[in-house]
Amino acid sequence: MIKRTVVFLLLAATAGLAFAQTPQQWTEGKQYFAIQNPQPTNQPGKVVVTEVFSFGCPACNQFEPSLDKLRAELPAGAVLEFVPASWHPNEDWPVFQRAWFTAKALGLDNKQTHDAMFKAIWGPNGPLATYDPATQRPKAEANLPTIQDVAKFYAKFGAKPDQFVATANSFAVNLQMKRADQQVMAWGVDSTPTLVIDGKWRLTPASTGGAQQAIDLTLYLVNKELAAKKAK
């Protein structure tokens, strides 16, 4: 009986060690990447997780439920932010980038409107659809949603269309769009969705092997950065 107990304890210890070593399945430079010349985030003392995304990105739309799961599992001291990309004008990304910053300026950037935008673009008969359902290809540029179309959509959430359009074309929003493009480039992001952890690390569902793996690795890096902050 004693011998069996010892064996059991050894097996349990081994299993515990294996569990503790699970993060070793992640290799820097393979599943996640260090960002050269990281800069401090705009929330000192917190760990900021940033999704680089576009409402016009089909992969971002598919990743959205997983992002909701990540949002719910972030520990205290971590926050989720967004930076919209703009590099596919043929799929209306610049318009959606402008729309996101406009909604933020008007206090309309919340989970409700965020989810609603994806549904308006990718849902059945979505009023802001960018793909032709018959061809499953991007619509002709002349038929893509305009910022006026987006303004009408946000009217459902309390926006005044004229004010939305005026804000969208303001110097402040133009400047934020320019800064977002510069930030995306500085982080070395070349696909969406990409998750950036505290401005130091970046990863994608593709680099990690799937959406759940991306969540697991993000949480691992978040907890690692939180521990480093507490140790200072």
Protein backbone atom coordinates (compact mmCIF):
# COMPACT_ATOMS: atom_id res chain seq x y z
CA MET A 1 0.00 0.00 0.00
CA ILE A 2 2.85 2.37 0.90
CA LYS A 3 4.61 1.56 -2.38
CA ARG A 4 1.43 2.26 -4.35
CA THR A 5 0.98 5.55 -2.51
CA VAL A 6 4.53 6.60 -3.36
CA VAL A 7 3.99 5.72 -7.01
CA PHE A 8 0.73 7.65 -7.05
CA LEU A 9 2.40 10.71 -5.54
CA LEU A 10 5.22 10.51 -8.06
CA LEU A 11 2.74 10.31 -10.93
CA ALA A 12 0.77 13.23 -9.54
CA ALA A 13 3.96 15.28 -9.18
CA THR A 14 4.96 14.42 -12.72
CA ALA A 15 1.53 15.42 -14.03
CA GLY A 16 1.74 18.68 -12.10
CA LEU A 17 5.17 19.37 -13.56
CA ALA A 18 3.88 18.66 -17.05
CA PHE A 19 1.02 21.07 -16.49
CA ALA A 20 3.40 23.72 -15.21
CA GLN A 21 5.53 23.29 -18.31
CA THR A 22 2.59 23.56 -20.72
CA PRO A 23 3.52 27.15 -21.73
CA GLN A 24 6.76 25.72 -23.17
CA GLN A 25 4.74 24.64 -26.18
CA TRP A 26 4.88 28.30 -27.18
CA THR A 27 8.09 29.47 -28.77
CA GLU A 28 8.98 33.11 -29.33
CA GLY A 29 9.52 33.64 -33.02
CA LYS A 30 7.13 30.86 -33.93
CA GLN A 31 3.76 31.19 -32.17
CA TYR A 32 4.36 34.77 -30.98
CA PHE A 33 6.78 37.52 -31.86
CA ALA A 34 8.62 40.23 -29.98
CA ILE A 35 7.90 43.74 -31.21
CA GLN A 36 11.00 45.74 -31.94
CA ASN A 37 11.33 48.99 -29.98
CA PRO A 38 8.14 48.59 -27.88
CA GLN A 39 6.69 51.81 -26.55
CA PRO A 40 4.72 52.40 -23.32
CA THR A 41 0.96 51.99 -23.64
CA ASN A 42 -1.53 54.72 -22.83
CA GLN A 43 -2.55 52.95 -19.60
CA PRO A 44 0.44 52.78 -17.23
CA GLY A 45 0.21 50.03 -14.64
CA LYS A 46 -2.17 47.95 -16.74
CA VAL A 47 -1.53 45.30 -19.37
CA VAL A 48 -3.18 46.36 -22.61
CA VAL A 49 -4.34 43.75 -25.11
CA THR A 50 -4.98 45.36 -28.50
CA GLU A 51 -6.77 43.73 -31.38
CA VAL A 52 -5.71 45.08 -34.76
CA PHE A 53 -8.81 44.43 -36.84
CA SER A 54 -11.22 45.71 -39.43
CA PHE A 55 -14.98 45.44 -39.54
CA GLY A 56 -14.44 44.59 -43.20
CA CYS A 57 -12.17 41.63 -42.40
CA PRO A 58 -13.96 38.25 -42.70
CA ALA A 59 -11.41 36.58 -40.43
CA CYS A 60 -12.05 39.24 -37.76
CA ASN A 61 -15.75 38.56 -38.01
CA GLN A 62 -15.11 34.84 -37.46
CA PHE A 63 -12.79 35.58 -34.54
CA GLU A 64 -15.27 37.87 -32.78
CA PRO A 65 -16.88 35.17 -30.55
CA SER A 66 -13.39 34.12 -29.42
CA LEU A 67 -12.54 37.73 -28.68
CA ASP A 68 -15.63 37.94 -26.47
CA LYS A 69 -14.33 34.90 -24.61
CA LEU A 70 -10.92 36.53 -24.18
CA ARG A 71 -12.57 39.71 -22.93
CA ALA A 72 -14.42 37.72 -20.26
CA GLU A 73 -11.28 35.86 -19.15
CA LEU A 74 -8.88 38.79 -18.89
CA PRO A 75 -7.60 39.08 -15.31
CA ALA A 76 -7.84 42.23 -13.20
CA GLY A 77 -5.27 44.73 -14.35
CA ALA A 78 -5.68 43.89 -18.05
CA VAL A 79 -7.78 45.81 -20.57
CA LEU A 80 -8.87 45.23 -24.16
CA GLU A 81 -8.46 47.90 -26.82
CA PHE A 82 -8.82 48.11 -30.59
CA VAL A 83 -6.85 49.61 -33.46
CA PRO A 84 -8.59 49.47 -36.86
CA ALA A 85 -6.47 48.76 -39.93
CA SER A 86 -7.04 50.36 -43.33
CA TRP A 87 -4.94 48.53 -45.89
CA HIS A 88 -7.76 47.08 -48.05
CA PRO A 89 -9.61 50.01 -49.65
CA ASN A 90 -11.21 47.61 -52.14
CA GLU A 91 -13.05 46.09 -49.15
CA ASP A 92 -13.92 49.45 -47.55
CA TRP A 93 -11.44 49.21 -44.68
CA PRO A 94 -10.57 52.94 -44.68
CA VAL A 95 -14.27 53.82 -44.37
CA PHE A 96 -14.70 51.39 -41.49
CA GLN A 97 -11.55 52.70 -39.83
CA ARG A 98 -12.96 56.22 -40.08
CA ALA A 99 -16.30 54.97 -38.74
CA TRP A 100 -14.68 53.36 -35.70
CA PHE A 101 -12.80 56.51 -34.71
CA THR A 102 -15.93 58.60 -35.29
CA ALA A 103 -18.00 56.32 -33.07
CA LYS A 104 -15.30 56.57 -30.42
CA ALA A 105 -15.30 60.36 -30.60
CA LEU A 106 -19.08 60.39 -30.17
CA GLY A 107 -19.07 57.90 -27.29
CA LEU A 108 -20.64 55.14 -29.37
CA ASP A 109 -17.77 52.65 -29.28
CA ASN A 110 -19.16 49.87 -27.12
CA LYS A 111 -19.71 46.13 -27.42
CA GLN A 112 -23.26 46.60 -28.67
CA THR A 113 -22.28 48.78 -31.62
CA HIS A 114 -19.11 46.76 -32.24
CA ASP A 115 -21.08 43.54 -32.63
CA ALA A 116 -23.81 45.30 -34.61
CA MET A 117 -21.28 46.60 -37.16
CA PHE A 118 -20.03 43.08 -37.85
CA LYS A 119 -23.60 41.86 -38.30
CA ALA A 120 -24.44 44.79 -40.59
CA ILE A 121 -21.52 43.86 -42.82
CA TRP A 122 -21.49 40.06 -42.63
CA GLY A 123 -25.02 39.10 -41.63
CA PRO A 124 -27.70 38.04 -44.12
CA ASN A 125 -28.83 41.07 -46.14
CA GLY A 126 -26.56 43.28 -44.05
CA PRO A 127 -27.09 46.98 -44.86
CA LEU A 128 -23.31 47.58 -44.91
CA ALA A 129 -22.29 44.45 -46.81
CA THR A 130 -19.07 44.73 -48.78
CA TYR A 131 -19.28 41.36 -50.55
CA ASP A 132 -21.66 40.48 -53.35
CA PRO A 133 -23.64 37.42 -52.15
CA ALA A 134 -23.95 36.15 -55.71
CA THR A 135 -20.20 36.16 -56.48
CA GLN A 136 -18.78 36.07 -52.93
CA ARG A 137 -16.34 38.73 -54.04
CA PRO A 138 -15.95 42.37 -52.96
CA LYS A 139 -18.46 44.71 -54.52
CA ALA A 140 -17.39 47.26 -57.08
CA GLU A 141 -15.91 50.33 -55.38
CA ALA A 142 -18.87 52.46 -56.46
CA ASN A 143 -21.22 50.10 -54.61
CA LEU A 144 -19.33 49.90 -51.32
CA PRO A 145 -20.86 51.52 -48.21
CA THR A 146 -19.98 55.18 -47.72
CA ILE A 147 -19.46 57.06 -44.47
CA GLN A 148 -22.97 58.47 -45.03
CA ASP A 149 -24.33 54.91 -45.08
CA VAL A 150 -22.48 54.15 -41.85
CA ALA A 151 -23.85 57.35 -40.29
CA LYS A 152 -27.40 56.19 -41.02
CA PHE A 153 -26.58 52.86 -39.38
CA TYR A 154 -25.27 54.53 -36.20
CA ALA A 155 -28.46 56.60 -36.04
CA LYS A 156 -30.05 53.44 -34.62
CA PHE A 157 -27.81 53.96 -31.58
CA GLY A 158 -28.47 57.66 -31.09
CA ALA A 159 -26.08 59.30 -33.55
CA LYS A 160 -27.20 62.28 -35.60
CA PRO A 161 -26.17 61.46 -39.20
CA ASP A 162 -25.02 65.00 -40.04
CA GLN A 163 -22.94 65.20 -36.87
CA PHE A 164 -21.51 61.74 -37.52
CA VAL A 165 -20.38 62.68 -41.03
CA ALA A 166 -18.95 66.01 -39.87
CA THR A 167 -17.01 64.30 -37.09
CA ALA A 168 -15.84 61.60 -39.50
CA ASN A 169 -14.29 64.26 -41.73
CA SER A 170 -12.76 66.25 -38.90
CA PHE A 171 -9.05 66.95 -38.43
CA ALA A 172 -9.08 64.95 -35.18
CA VAL A 173 -10.37 61.77 -36.83
CA ASN A 174 -8.00 62.17 -39.80
CA LEU A 175 -5.12 62.45 -37.35
CA GLN A 176 -6.20 59.37 -35.40
CA MET A 177 -6.42 57.37 -38.62
CA LYS A 178 -2.90 58.42 -39.58
CA ARG A 179 -1.59 57.48 -36.14
CA ALA A 180 -3.35 54.12 -36.29
CA ASP A 181 -1.67 53.33 -39.62
CA GLN A 182 1.69 54.28 -38.13
CA GLN A 183 1.06 52.16 -35.03
CA VAL A 184 0.09 49.11 -37.05
CA MET A 185 3.28 49.47 -39.07
CA ALA A 186 5.44 49.99 -35.98
CA TRP A 187 4.06 46.79 -34.45
CA GLY A 188 4.92 44.85 -37.60
CA VAL A 189 1.31 43.76 -38.10
CA ASP A 190 0.66 42.38 -41.57
CA SER A 191 -2.62 40.48 -41.12
CA THR A 192 -5.85 40.68 -39.17
CA PRO A 193 -6.89 39.80 -36.62
CA THR A 194 -3.63 40.33 -34.72
CA LEU A 195 -3.39 40.55 -30.94
CA VAL A 196 -0.74 42.81 -29.43
CA ILE A 197 0.07 42.32 -25.76
CA ASP A 198 1.24 45.42 -23.91
CA GLY A 199 2.95 46.71 -27.03
CA LYS A 200 5.62 44.01 -26.62
CA TRP A 201 4.30 40.87 -28.24
CA ARG A 202 2.10 40.06 -31.21
CA LEU A 203 0.35 36.89 -32.32
CA THR A 204 -2.44 35.71 -34.58
CA PRO A 205 -4.81 32.75 -34.63
CA ALA A 206 -2.82 31.53 -37.63
CA SER A 207 0.54 31.71 -35.83
CA THR A 208 -0.81 29.93 -32.75
CA GLY A 209 -2.74 27.25 -34.61
CA GLY A 210 -6.29 28.41 -33.91
CA ALA A 211 -8.57 30.82 -32.08
CA GLN A 212 -8.52 28.98 -28.74
CA GLN A 213 -4.74 28.71 -28.83
CA ALA A 214 -4.55 32.45 -29.51
CA ILE A 215 -6.67 33.09 -26.40
CA ASP A 216 -4.57 30.73 -24.26
CA LEU A 217 -1.28 32.26 -25.36
CA THR A 218 -2.61 35.80 -24.93
CA LEU A 219 -3.68 35.04 -21.36
CA TYR A 220 -0.29 33.47 -20.65
CA LEU A 221 1.53 36.58 -21.88
CA VAL A 222 -0.89 38.88 -20.04
CA ASN A 223 -0.26 37.10 -16.74
CA LYS A 224 3.47 37.14 -17.43
CA GLU A 225 3.40 40.92 -17.95
CA LEU A 226 1.20 41.46 -14.87
CA ALA A 227 3.67 39.50 -12.75
CA ALA A 228 6.55 41.57 -14.14
CA LYS A 229 4.74 44.81 -13.27
CA LYS A 230 4.04 43.65 -9.72
CA ALA A 231 7.67 42.64 -9.28
CA LYS A 232 8.92 46.19 -10.01
